[in-house]
């Protein structure tokens, strides 16, 4: 049998404990500050297009989600009843061809005016996106479609460039395709 000598553990002194607590407190303050900053300063993707069709015609195309696979380069699938409070399922395709499915909750469904939802990755505050389609009447029976998403959360600052590079161009592509569908 072998016996090894062990060195006695040095007790944590009050000075070391104080330094540790100050360090942990400072890290917590930085984390809370960063989280507050990231949530308060969203990343916004905003696109719009004028369409030679009435708001009702634009809405019919937007609300006919069963037809999305036929014309929509961005939102290639969308299912679920368009009723405020319902959860729907959307499959998006980015500029790299990568598809992502998520299940947002509908916040507004106003035929001829607005469709809006909010989706989250993880629990709220990590990566939230509030997406809106707003249809505004223009003179001469025309419309303006505004497609916008406001991203908030602690992970958003790390993804802002990717969102602008791979998602925003798809907003534009969808807007153009929707305009073409609405004027057929």
N, C-alpha and C. Protein backbone atom coordinates (compact mmCIF):
# COMPACT_ATOMS: atom_id res chain seq x y z
N UNK A 1 0.84 -1.17 0.00
CA UNK A 1 0.00 0.00 0.00
C UNK A 1 0.88 1.23 0.00
N UNK A 2 0.50 2.18 -0.85
CA UNK A 2 1.28 3.40 -0.98
C UNK A 2 0.52 4.54 -0.32
N UNK A 3 1.27 5.33 0.37
CA UNK A 3 0.66 6.49 1.01
C UNK A 3 1.25 7.73 0.37
N UNK A 4 0.37 8.63 -0.04
CA UNK A 4 0.87 9.88 -0.61
C UNK A 4 0.52 11.01 0.32
N UNK A 5 1.39 11.91 0.33
CA UNK A 5 1.15 13.08 1.18
C UNK A 5 0.31 14.08 0.39
N UNK A 6 -0.65 14.64 1.00
CA UNK A 6 -1.45 15.64 0.31
C UNK A 6 -1.17 17.00 0.92
N UNK A 7 -1.24 17.96 0.03
CA UNK A 7 -1.00 19.32 0.51
C UNK A 7 -2.33 19.84 1.05
N UNK A 8 -2.29 20.43 2.17
CA UNK A 8 -3.54 20.96 2.71
C UNK A 8 -4.04 22.11 1.83
N UNK A 9 -5.38 22.15 1.65
CA UNK A 9 -5.96 23.22 0.85
C UNK A 9 -5.88 24.52 1.63
N UNK A 10 -5.54 25.55 0.87
CA UNK A 10 -5.48 26.86 1.50
C UNK A 10 -6.89 27.40 1.59
N UNK A 11 -7.28 27.89 2.71
CA UNK A 11 -8.63 28.44 2.82
C UNK A 11 -8.75 29.71 1.97
N UNK A 12 -9.95 29.91 1.43
CA UNK A 12 -10.20 31.12 0.64
C UNK A 12 -10.26 32.29 1.63
N UNK A 13 -9.42 33.22 1.38
CA UNK A 13 -9.36 34.36 2.29
C UNK A 13 -10.50 35.32 1.98
N UNK A 14 -10.76 36.19 2.90
CA UNK A 14 -11.80 37.20 2.70
C UNK A 14 -11.48 38.06 1.48
N UNK A 15 -10.20 38.35 1.29
CA UNK A 15 -9.78 39.19 0.17
C UNK A 15 -10.07 38.49 -1.16
N UNK A 16 -9.75 37.18 -1.25
CA UNK A 16 -10.02 36.43 -2.49
C UNK A 16 -11.53 36.32 -2.73
N UNK A 17 -12.27 36.05 -1.70
CA UNK A 17 -13.73 35.93 -1.82
C UNK A 17 -14.32 37.25 -2.31
N UNK A 18 -13.82 38.34 -1.77
CA UNK A 18 -14.31 39.67 -2.17
C UNK A 18 -14.00 39.92 -3.65
N UNK A 19 -12.77 39.61 -4.09
CA UNK A 19 -12.40 39.77 -5.50
C UNK A 19 -13.29 38.92 -6.41
N UNK A 20 -13.53 37.69 -6.00
CA UNK A 20 -14.37 36.80 -6.77
C UNK A 20 -15.79 37.37 -6.90
N UNK A 21 -16.35 37.82 -5.81
CA UNK A 21 -17.70 38.40 -5.84
C UNK A 21 -17.75 39.67 -6.69
N UNK A 22 -16.73 40.51 -6.60
CA UNK A 22 -16.68 41.73 -7.42
C UNK A 22 -16.59 41.35 -8.90
N UNK A 23 -15.76 40.35 -9.23
CA UNK A 23 -15.64 39.89 -10.61
C UNK A 23 -16.94 39.33 -11.15
N UNK A 24 -17.61 38.50 -10.35
CA UNK A 24 -18.90 37.95 -10.76
C UNK A 24 -19.95 39.05 -10.91
N UNK A 25 -19.94 39.99 -10.00
CA UNK A 25 -20.88 41.12 -10.08
C UNK A 25 -20.65 41.95 -11.34
N UNK A 26 -19.39 42.22 -11.65
CA UNK A 26 -19.07 42.99 -12.85
C UNK A 26 -19.51 42.24 -14.10
N UNK A 27 -19.27 40.92 -14.15
CA UNK A 27 -19.69 40.11 -15.30
C UNK A 27 -21.21 40.14 -15.44
N UNK A 28 -21.92 40.07 -14.34
CA UNK A 28 -23.38 40.12 -14.36
C UNK A 28 -23.88 41.47 -14.88
N UNK A 29 -23.26 42.54 -14.44
CA UNK A 29 -23.65 43.88 -14.90
C UNK A 29 -23.42 44.01 -16.41
N UNK A 30 -22.28 43.51 -16.90
CA UNK A 30 -21.99 43.55 -18.34
C UNK A 30 -23.02 42.73 -19.11
N UNK A 31 -23.34 41.54 -18.62
CA UNK A 31 -24.32 40.68 -19.28
C UNK A 31 -25.70 41.33 -19.32
N UNK A 32 -26.13 41.89 -18.23
CA UNK A 32 -27.44 42.57 -18.19
C UNK A 32 -27.43 43.79 -19.11
N UNK A 33 -26.35 44.55 -19.09
CA UNK A 33 -26.24 45.72 -19.97
C UNK A 33 -26.29 45.33 -21.43
N UNK A 34 -25.54 44.29 -21.79
CA UNK A 34 -25.54 43.83 -23.19
C UNK A 34 -26.93 43.34 -23.59
N UNK A 35 -27.57 42.55 -22.74
CA UNK A 35 -28.91 42.03 -23.05
C UNK A 35 -29.90 43.17 -23.24
N UNK A 36 -29.85 44.15 -22.38
CA UNK A 36 -30.75 45.30 -22.50
C UNK A 36 -30.48 46.05 -23.80
N UNK A 37 -29.23 46.26 -24.11
CA UNK A 37 -28.85 46.94 -25.36
C UNK A 37 -29.36 46.16 -26.57
N UNK A 38 -29.11 44.85 -26.59
CA UNK A 38 -29.49 44.01 -27.74
C UNK A 38 -31.00 43.99 -27.94
N UNK A 39 -31.76 43.98 -26.86
CA UNK A 39 -33.22 43.93 -26.97
C UNK A 39 -33.77 45.31 -27.32
N UNK A 40 -33.18 46.36 -26.78
CA UNK A 40 -33.69 47.72 -27.02
C UNK A 40 -33.32 48.26 -28.39
N UNK A 41 -32.25 47.77 -29.00
CA UNK A 41 -31.80 48.25 -30.31
C UNK A 41 -31.98 47.15 -31.34
N UNK A 42 -33.17 47.07 -31.93
CA UNK A 42 -33.44 45.97 -32.86
C UNK A 42 -32.73 46.14 -34.21
N UNK A 43 -32.66 45.06 -34.94
CA UNK A 43 -32.25 45.07 -36.34
C UNK A 43 -33.54 45.05 -37.15
N UNK A 44 -33.68 45.99 -38.08
CA UNK A 44 -34.91 46.10 -38.87
C UNK A 44 -34.60 45.88 -40.35
N UNK A 45 -35.34 44.96 -40.96
CA UNK A 45 -35.30 44.80 -42.41
C UNK A 45 -36.59 45.40 -42.93
N UNK A 46 -36.48 46.35 -43.85
CA UNK A 46 -37.65 47.07 -44.36
C UNK A 46 -37.58 47.13 -45.88
N UNK A 47 -38.64 46.64 -46.52
CA UNK A 47 -38.73 46.72 -47.98
C UNK A 47 -40.13 47.19 -48.34
N UNK A 48 -40.25 47.78 -49.52
CA UNK A 48 -41.57 48.16 -50.01
C UNK A 48 -41.57 48.17 -51.52
N UNK A 49 -42.78 48.02 -52.06
CA UNK A 49 -42.96 48.02 -53.51
C UNK A 49 -44.34 48.58 -53.83
N UNK A 50 -44.41 49.36 -54.90
CA UNK A 50 -45.71 49.83 -55.39
C UNK A 50 -46.23 48.83 -56.40
N UNK A 51 -47.53 48.54 -56.31
CA UNK A 51 -48.14 47.49 -57.13
C UNK A 51 -49.34 48.06 -57.87
N UNK A 52 -49.45 47.72 -59.14
CA UNK A 52 -50.58 48.17 -59.96
C UNK A 52 -51.79 47.27 -59.74
N UNK A 53 -52.21 47.16 -58.50
CA UNK A 53 -53.38 46.37 -58.13
C UNK A 53 -53.94 46.94 -56.84
N UNK A 54 -55.21 46.69 -56.59
CA UNK A 54 -55.87 47.21 -55.40
C UNK A 54 -55.37 46.49 -54.14
N UNK A 55 -55.56 47.11 -52.97
CA UNK A 55 -55.20 46.42 -51.73
C UNK A 55 -55.88 45.06 -51.59
N UNK A 56 -57.13 44.95 -52.04
CA UNK A 56 -57.83 43.67 -51.94
C UNK A 56 -57.18 42.62 -52.83
N UNK A 57 -56.75 43.01 -54.04
CA UNK A 57 -56.08 42.06 -54.94
C UNK A 57 -54.74 41.61 -54.35
N UNK A 58 -54.02 42.53 -53.75
CA UNK A 58 -52.74 42.19 -53.11
C UNK A 58 -53.00 41.24 -51.94
N UNK A 59 -54.02 41.52 -51.15
CA UNK A 59 -54.35 40.66 -50.01
C UNK A 59 -54.71 39.25 -50.47
N UNK A 60 -55.49 39.15 -51.55
CA UNK A 60 -55.88 37.81 -52.03
C UNK A 60 -54.64 36.96 -52.33
N UNK A 61 -53.64 37.55 -52.95
CA UNK A 61 -52.41 36.81 -53.25
C UNK A 61 -51.67 36.48 -51.95
N UNK A 62 -51.55 37.44 -51.06
CA UNK A 62 -50.84 37.25 -49.80
C UNK A 62 -51.52 36.18 -48.94
N UNK A 63 -52.85 36.18 -48.91
CA UNK A 63 -53.60 35.26 -48.05
C UNK A 63 -53.76 33.86 -48.65
N UNK A 64 -53.54 33.71 -49.96
CA UNK A 64 -53.65 32.40 -50.62
C UNK A 64 -52.34 31.65 -50.46
N UNK A 65 -52.10 31.19 -49.25
CA UNK A 65 -50.81 30.58 -48.93
C UNK A 65 -50.63 29.20 -49.54
N UNK A 66 -51.73 28.56 -49.95
CA UNK A 66 -51.61 27.26 -50.63
C UNK A 66 -50.90 27.42 -51.97
N UNK A 67 -50.98 28.62 -52.57
CA UNK A 67 -50.35 28.87 -53.87
C UNK A 67 -48.89 29.32 -53.74
N UNK A 68 -48.39 29.56 -52.53
CA UNK A 68 -47.01 30.04 -52.36
C UNK A 68 -45.97 29.20 -53.10
N UNK A 69 -46.05 27.87 -53.07
CA UNK A 69 -45.01 27.09 -53.77
C UNK A 69 -44.94 27.39 -55.28
N UNK A 70 -46.05 27.88 -55.84
CA UNK A 70 -46.10 28.15 -57.28
C UNK A 70 -45.40 29.45 -57.68
N UNK A 71 -45.33 30.42 -56.77
CA UNK A 71 -44.80 31.72 -57.19
C UNK A 71 -43.82 32.36 -56.20
N UNK A 72 -43.82 31.94 -54.94
CA UNK A 72 -43.10 32.66 -53.89
C UNK A 72 -41.67 32.11 -53.73
N UNK A 73 -40.65 32.90 -54.04
CA UNK A 73 -39.26 32.43 -53.93
C UNK A 73 -38.73 32.43 -52.50
N UNK A 74 -39.43 33.10 -51.58
CA UNK A 74 -38.95 33.25 -50.21
C UNK A 74 -39.73 32.38 -49.24
N UNK A 75 -41.02 32.58 -49.18
CA UNK A 75 -41.87 31.81 -48.27
C UNK A 75 -42.47 30.68 -49.10
N UNK A 76 -41.80 29.55 -49.08
CA UNK A 76 -42.16 28.47 -50.00
C UNK A 76 -43.29 27.58 -49.49
N UNK A 77 -43.66 27.77 -48.23
CA UNK A 77 -44.78 27.01 -47.66
C UNK A 77 -45.30 27.77 -46.45
N UNK A 78 -46.64 27.82 -46.31
CA UNK A 78 -47.26 28.45 -45.15
C UNK A 78 -48.61 27.79 -44.92
N UNK A 79 -48.81 27.30 -43.71
CA UNK A 79 -50.06 26.62 -43.38
C UNK A 79 -50.60 27.12 -42.05
N UNK A 80 -51.90 26.90 -41.85
CA UNK A 80 -52.57 27.30 -40.61
C UNK A 80 -53.58 28.38 -40.90
N UNK A 81 -54.60 28.44 -40.07
CA UNK A 81 -55.67 29.42 -40.26
C UNK A 81 -55.21 30.82 -39.89
N UNK A 82 -55.55 31.79 -40.75
CA UNK A 82 -55.18 33.19 -40.49
C UNK A 82 -56.18 33.82 -39.53
N UNK A 83 -55.97 33.53 -38.25
CA UNK A 83 -56.81 34.06 -37.18
C UNK A 83 -55.87 34.55 -36.08
N UNK A 84 -56.08 35.79 -35.63
CA UNK A 84 -55.23 36.36 -34.58
C UNK A 84 -55.15 35.38 -33.40
N UNK A 85 -53.94 35.16 -32.93
CA UNK A 85 -53.71 34.25 -31.81
C UNK A 85 -53.33 32.85 -32.24
N UNK A 86 -53.64 32.49 -33.49
CA UNK A 86 -53.26 31.16 -33.99
C UNK A 86 -51.77 31.09 -34.24
N UNK A 87 -51.26 29.88 -34.20
CA UNK A 87 -49.88 29.60 -34.58
C UNK A 87 -49.93 28.98 -35.97
N UNK A 88 -49.14 29.54 -36.89
CA UNK A 88 -49.05 29.01 -38.24
C UNK A 88 -47.67 28.41 -38.44
N UNK A 89 -47.47 27.76 -39.57
CA UNK A 89 -46.16 27.19 -39.87
C UNK A 89 -45.68 27.77 -41.20
N UNK A 90 -44.47 28.31 -41.21
CA UNK A 90 -43.88 28.90 -42.42
C UNK A 90 -42.54 28.24 -42.71
N UNK A 91 -42.30 27.98 -43.99
CA UNK A 91 -40.99 27.51 -44.41
C UNK A 91 -40.40 28.57 -45.32
N UNK A 92 -39.24 29.09 -44.93
CA UNK A 92 -38.56 30.16 -45.67
C UNK A 92 -37.34 29.60 -46.39
N UNK A 93 -37.01 30.20 -47.53
CA UNK A 93 -35.80 29.83 -48.27
C UNK A 93 -34.93 31.07 -48.38
N UNK A 94 -33.69 31.00 -47.90
CA UNK A 94 -32.79 32.15 -47.98
C UNK A 94 -32.07 32.17 -49.33
N UNK A 95 -31.21 33.14 -49.52
CA UNK A 95 -30.52 33.29 -50.81
C UNK A 95 -29.54 32.15 -51.09
N UNK A 96 -29.18 31.39 -50.06
CA UNK A 96 -28.29 30.23 -50.24
C UNK A 96 -29.08 28.95 -50.52
N UNK A 97 -30.41 29.06 -50.56
CA UNK A 97 -31.25 27.89 -50.80
C UNK A 97 -31.58 27.10 -49.55
N UNK A 98 -31.10 27.57 -48.39
CA UNK A 98 -31.36 26.88 -47.13
C UNK A 98 -32.79 27.16 -46.69
N UNK A 99 -33.51 26.11 -46.32
CA UNK A 99 -34.89 26.26 -45.86
C UNK A 99 -34.97 26.12 -44.36
N UNK A 100 -35.79 26.97 -43.75
CA UNK A 100 -36.00 26.96 -42.32
C UNK A 100 -37.50 27.02 -42.06
N UNK A 101 -37.99 26.16 -41.19
CA UNK A 101 -39.41 26.17 -40.83
C UNK A 101 -39.53 26.68 -39.40
N UNK A 102 -40.49 27.56 -39.18
CA UNK A 102 -40.75 28.08 -37.85
C UNK A 102 -42.25 28.28 -37.69
N UNK A 103 -42.68 28.41 -36.45
CA UNK A 103 -44.10 28.47 -36.12
C UNK A 103 -44.43 29.73 -35.33
N UNK A 104 -44.70 30.83 -36.05
CA UNK A 104 -45.00 32.09 -35.36
C UNK A 104 -46.47 32.20 -34.94
N UNK A 105 -46.71 33.11 -34.02
CA UNK A 105 -48.07 33.41 -33.57
C UNK A 105 -48.57 34.66 -34.30
N UNK A 106 -49.80 34.56 -34.81
CA UNK A 106 -50.39 35.69 -35.54
C UNK A 106 -50.80 36.81 -34.57
N UNK A 107 -50.34 38.02 -34.88
CA UNK A 107 -50.65 39.19 -34.06
C UNK A 107 -51.72 40.07 -34.71
N UNK A 108 -51.79 40.09 -36.04
CA UNK A 108 -52.76 40.92 -36.76
C UNK A 108 -53.12 40.24 -38.07
N UNK A 109 -54.42 40.20 -38.35
CA UNK A 109 -54.93 39.70 -39.62
C UNK A 109 -56.06 40.65 -40.02
N UNK A 110 -55.73 41.62 -40.87
CA UNK A 110 -56.71 42.60 -41.33
C UNK A 110 -56.73 42.56 -42.85
N UNK A 111 -57.72 41.85 -43.43
CA UNK A 111 -57.78 41.72 -44.89
C UNK A 111 -57.66 43.07 -45.60
N UNK A 112 -56.79 43.10 -46.59
CA UNK A 112 -56.57 44.31 -47.37
C UNK A 112 -55.67 45.32 -46.69
N UNK A 113 -55.21 45.02 -45.45
CA UNK A 113 -54.41 46.00 -44.71
C UNK A 113 -53.13 45.43 -44.11
N UNK A 114 -53.24 44.36 -43.31
CA UNK A 114 -52.06 43.92 -42.57
C UNK A 114 -52.13 42.44 -42.21
N UNK A 115 -50.95 41.81 -42.29
CA UNK A 115 -50.73 40.46 -41.77
C UNK A 115 -49.43 40.55 -40.98
N UNK A 116 -49.50 40.16 -39.69
CA UNK A 116 -48.32 40.32 -38.82
C UNK A 116 -48.24 39.16 -37.84
N UNK A 117 -47.00 38.69 -37.59
CA UNK A 117 -46.78 37.60 -36.63
C UNK A 117 -45.48 37.82 -35.90
N UNK A 118 -45.30 37.03 -34.84
CA UNK A 118 -44.04 37.03 -34.10
C UNK A 118 -43.57 35.60 -33.92
N UNK A 119 -42.28 35.41 -34.17
CA UNK A 119 -41.67 34.10 -33.98
C UNK A 119 -40.43 34.24 -33.12
N UNK A 120 -40.08 33.17 -32.43
CA UNK A 120 -38.91 33.19 -31.54
C UNK A 120 -38.07 31.95 -31.75
N UNK A 121 -36.78 32.12 -31.58
CA UNK A 121 -35.87 30.99 -31.52
C UNK A 121 -35.53 30.83 -30.05
N UNK A 122 -35.79 29.66 -29.52
CA UNK A 122 -35.62 29.47 -28.09
C UNK A 122 -36.75 30.19 -27.36
N UNK A 123 -36.51 30.57 -26.15
CA UNK A 123 -37.52 31.34 -25.43
C UNK A 123 -37.34 32.82 -25.75
N UNK A 124 -38.35 33.62 -25.47
CA UNK A 124 -38.31 35.04 -25.80
C UNK A 124 -37.07 35.74 -25.26
N UNK A 125 -36.57 36.67 -26.06
CA UNK A 125 -35.41 37.45 -25.64
C UNK A 125 -34.10 36.97 -26.23
N UNK A 126 -34.08 35.77 -26.80
CA UNK A 126 -32.87 35.25 -27.43
C UNK A 126 -32.80 35.73 -28.88
N UNK A 127 -33.86 35.43 -29.66
CA UNK A 127 -33.93 35.84 -31.06
C UNK A 127 -35.41 35.86 -31.44
N UNK A 128 -35.99 37.04 -31.46
CA UNK A 128 -37.40 37.21 -31.79
C UNK A 128 -37.52 38.03 -33.06
N UNK A 129 -38.45 37.65 -33.91
CA UNK A 129 -38.70 38.40 -35.13
C UNK A 129 -40.18 38.69 -35.27
N UNK A 130 -40.51 39.98 -35.38
CA UNK A 130 -41.90 40.38 -35.64
C UNK A 130 -41.98 40.81 -37.10
N UNK A 131 -42.68 39.99 -37.89
CA UNK A 131 -42.77 40.17 -39.34
C UNK A 131 -44.12 40.80 -39.67
N UNK A 132 -44.10 41.77 -40.58
CA UNK A 132 -45.35 42.43 -40.97
C UNK A 132 -45.40 42.64 -42.48
N UNK A 133 -46.59 42.43 -43.01
CA UNK A 133 -46.93 42.84 -44.37
C UNK A 133 -48.01 43.90 -44.19
N UNK A 134 -47.75 45.10 -44.66
CA UNK A 134 -48.76 46.15 -44.59
C UNK A 134 -49.08 46.58 -46.02
N UNK A 135 -50.36 46.71 -46.29
CA UNK A 135 -50.82 47.10 -47.62
C UNK A 135 -51.47 48.47 -47.49
N UNK A 136 -50.95 49.43 -48.24
CA UNK A 136 -51.46 50.80 -48.18
C UNK A 136 -52.05 51.17 -49.53
N UNK A 137 -53.25 51.78 -49.52
CA UNK A 137 -53.85 52.19 -50.80
C UNK A 137 -53.10 53.39 -51.38
N UNK A 138 -52.98 53.40 -52.69
CA UNK A 138 -52.39 54.52 -53.42
C UNK A 138 -53.43 55.03 -54.41
N UNK A 139 -53.28 56.26 -54.89
CA UNK A 139 -54.22 56.78 -55.89
C UNK A 139 -54.27 55.88 -57.14
N UNK A 140 -55.42 55.91 -57.79
CA UNK A 140 -55.57 55.17 -59.05
C UNK A 140 -55.77 53.67 -58.84
N UNK A 141 -56.21 53.25 -57.66
CA UNK A 141 -56.46 51.84 -57.42
C UNK A 141 -55.20 51.01 -57.24
N UNK A 142 -54.08 51.67 -56.98
CA UNK A 142 -52.81 50.99 -56.78
C UNK A 142 -52.58 50.75 -55.29
N UNK A 143 -51.48 50.06 -54.97
CA UNK A 143 -51.15 49.74 -53.58
C UNK A 143 -49.66 49.85 -53.34
N UNK A 144 -49.33 50.03 -52.09
CA UNK A 144 -47.93 49.90 -51.66
C UNK A 144 -47.89 48.75 -50.67
N UNK A 145 -46.99 47.80 -50.92
CA UNK A 145 -46.78 46.70 -49.99
C UNK A 145 -45.50 46.98 -49.23
N UNK A 146 -45.60 46.99 -47.91
CA UNK A 146 -44.44 47.12 -47.03
C UNK A 146 -44.24 45.77 -46.36
N UNK A 147 -43.05 45.22 -46.53
CA UNK A 147 -42.69 43.99 -45.84
C UNK A 147 -41.53 44.34 -44.91
N UNK A 148 -41.74 44.06 -43.63
CA UNK A 148 -40.76 44.50 -42.63
C UNK A 148 -40.65 43.45 -41.54
N UNK A 149 -39.44 43.32 -41.01
CA UNK A 149 -39.26 42.47 -39.84
C UNK A 149 -38.35 43.18 -38.85
N UNK A 150 -38.77 43.15 -37.60
CA UNK A 150 -38.01 43.75 -36.50
C UNK A 150 -37.47 42.59 -35.66
N UNK A 151 -36.15 42.48 -35.64
CA UNK A 151 -35.49 41.41 -34.89
C UNK A 151 -34.97 41.98 -33.57
N UNK A 152 -35.27 41.26 -32.48
CA UNK A 152 -34.78 41.65 -31.16
C UNK A 152 -34.24 40.42 -30.45
N UNK A 153 -33.32 40.64 -29.55
CA UNK A 153 -32.81 39.55 -28.73
C UNK A 153 -31.31 39.59 -28.62
N UNK A 154 -30.80 38.85 -27.65
CA UNK A 154 -29.37 38.88 -27.37
C UNK A 154 -28.53 38.27 -28.49
N UNK A 155 -29.12 37.38 -29.32
CA UNK A 155 -28.36 36.77 -30.41
C UNK A 155 -28.41 37.60 -31.69
N UNK A 156 -29.30 38.58 -31.77
CA UNK A 156 -29.50 39.35 -33.01
C UNK A 156 -28.25 40.10 -33.46
N UNK A 157 -27.52 40.80 -32.58
CA UNK A 157 -26.34 41.52 -33.07
C UNK A 157 -25.32 40.62 -33.78
N UNK A 158 -25.28 39.35 -33.41
CA UNK A 158 -24.34 38.42 -34.02
C UNK A 158 -24.81 37.94 -35.39
N UNK A 159 -26.09 38.14 -35.71
CA UNK A 159 -26.65 37.64 -36.96
C UNK A 159 -27.11 38.75 -37.91
N UNK A 160 -26.94 40.01 -37.53
CA UNK A 160 -27.47 41.12 -38.33
C UNK A 160 -26.92 41.11 -39.76
N UNK A 161 -25.66 40.87 -39.94
CA UNK A 161 -25.08 40.83 -41.28
C UNK A 161 -25.67 39.70 -42.12
N UNK A 162 -25.81 38.53 -41.53
CA UNK A 162 -26.40 37.40 -42.23
C UNK A 162 -27.85 37.69 -42.62
N UNK A 163 -28.59 38.33 -41.73
CA UNK A 163 -29.99 38.67 -42.03
C UNK A 163 -30.06 39.61 -43.24
N UNK A 164 -29.18 40.60 -43.27
CA UNK A 164 -29.17 41.55 -44.38
C UNK A 164 -28.73 40.87 -45.69
N UNK A 165 -27.80 39.95 -45.60
CA UNK A 165 -27.26 39.31 -46.81
C UNK A 165 -28.14 38.19 -47.36
N UNK A 166 -28.80 37.43 -46.50
CA UNK A 166 -29.52 36.25 -46.98
C UNK A 166 -31.03 36.33 -46.87
N UNK A 167 -31.54 37.23 -46.03
CA UNK A 167 -32.99 37.32 -45.84
C UNK A 167 -33.57 38.55 -46.54
N UNK A 168 -32.95 39.71 -46.37
CA UNK A 168 -33.50 40.93 -46.97
C UNK A 168 -33.64 40.82 -48.50
N UNK A 169 -32.68 40.24 -49.22
CA UNK A 169 -32.89 40.09 -50.67
C UNK A 169 -34.11 39.23 -51.00
N UNK A 170 -34.42 38.29 -50.12
CA UNK A 170 -35.59 37.45 -50.35
C UNK A 170 -36.89 38.22 -50.11
N UNK A 171 -36.87 39.21 -49.22
CA UNK A 171 -38.03 40.10 -49.07
C UNK A 171 -38.31 40.79 -50.41
N UNK A 172 -37.25 41.33 -51.01
CA UNK A 172 -37.40 42.02 -52.30
C UNK A 172 -37.91 41.06 -53.38
N UNK A 173 -37.36 39.86 -53.41
CA UNK A 173 -37.78 38.87 -54.41
C UNK A 173 -39.25 38.50 -54.22
N UNK A 174 -39.66 38.32 -52.97
CA UNK A 174 -41.07 38.00 -52.72
C UNK A 174 -41.97 39.17 -53.11
N UNK A 175 -41.55 40.39 -52.78
CA UNK A 175 -42.35 41.57 -53.14
C UNK A 175 -42.58 41.64 -54.65
N UNK A 176 -41.51 41.44 -55.41
CA UNK A 176 -41.64 41.49 -56.89
C UNK A 176 -42.56 40.37 -57.39
N UNK A 177 -42.39 39.18 -56.86
CA UNK A 177 -43.22 38.05 -57.30
C UNK A 177 -44.67 38.25 -56.91
N UNK A 178 -44.92 38.80 -55.72
CA UNK A 178 -46.29 39.08 -55.29
C UNK A 178 -46.92 40.14 -56.19
N UNK A 179 -46.16 41.16 -56.52
CA UNK A 179 -46.67 42.22 -57.42
C UNK A 179 -47.06 41.62 -58.77
N UNK A 180 -46.23 40.72 -59.27
CA UNK A 180 -46.53 40.08 -60.55
C UNK A 180 -47.81 39.24 -60.45
N UNK A 181 -47.96 38.49 -59.36
CA UNK A 181 -49.16 37.68 -59.17
C UNK A 181 -50.41 38.53 -59.05
N UNK A 182 -50.31 39.65 -58.35
CA UNK A 182 -51.48 40.50 -58.10
C UNK A 182 -51.96 41.22 -59.37
N UNK A 183 -51.09 41.36 -60.35
CA UNK A 183 -51.48 42.08 -61.58
C UNK A 183 -51.85 41.13 -62.71
N UNK A 184 -51.89 39.83 -62.45
CA UNK A 184 -52.27 38.86 -63.50
C UNK A 184 -53.77 38.90 -63.74
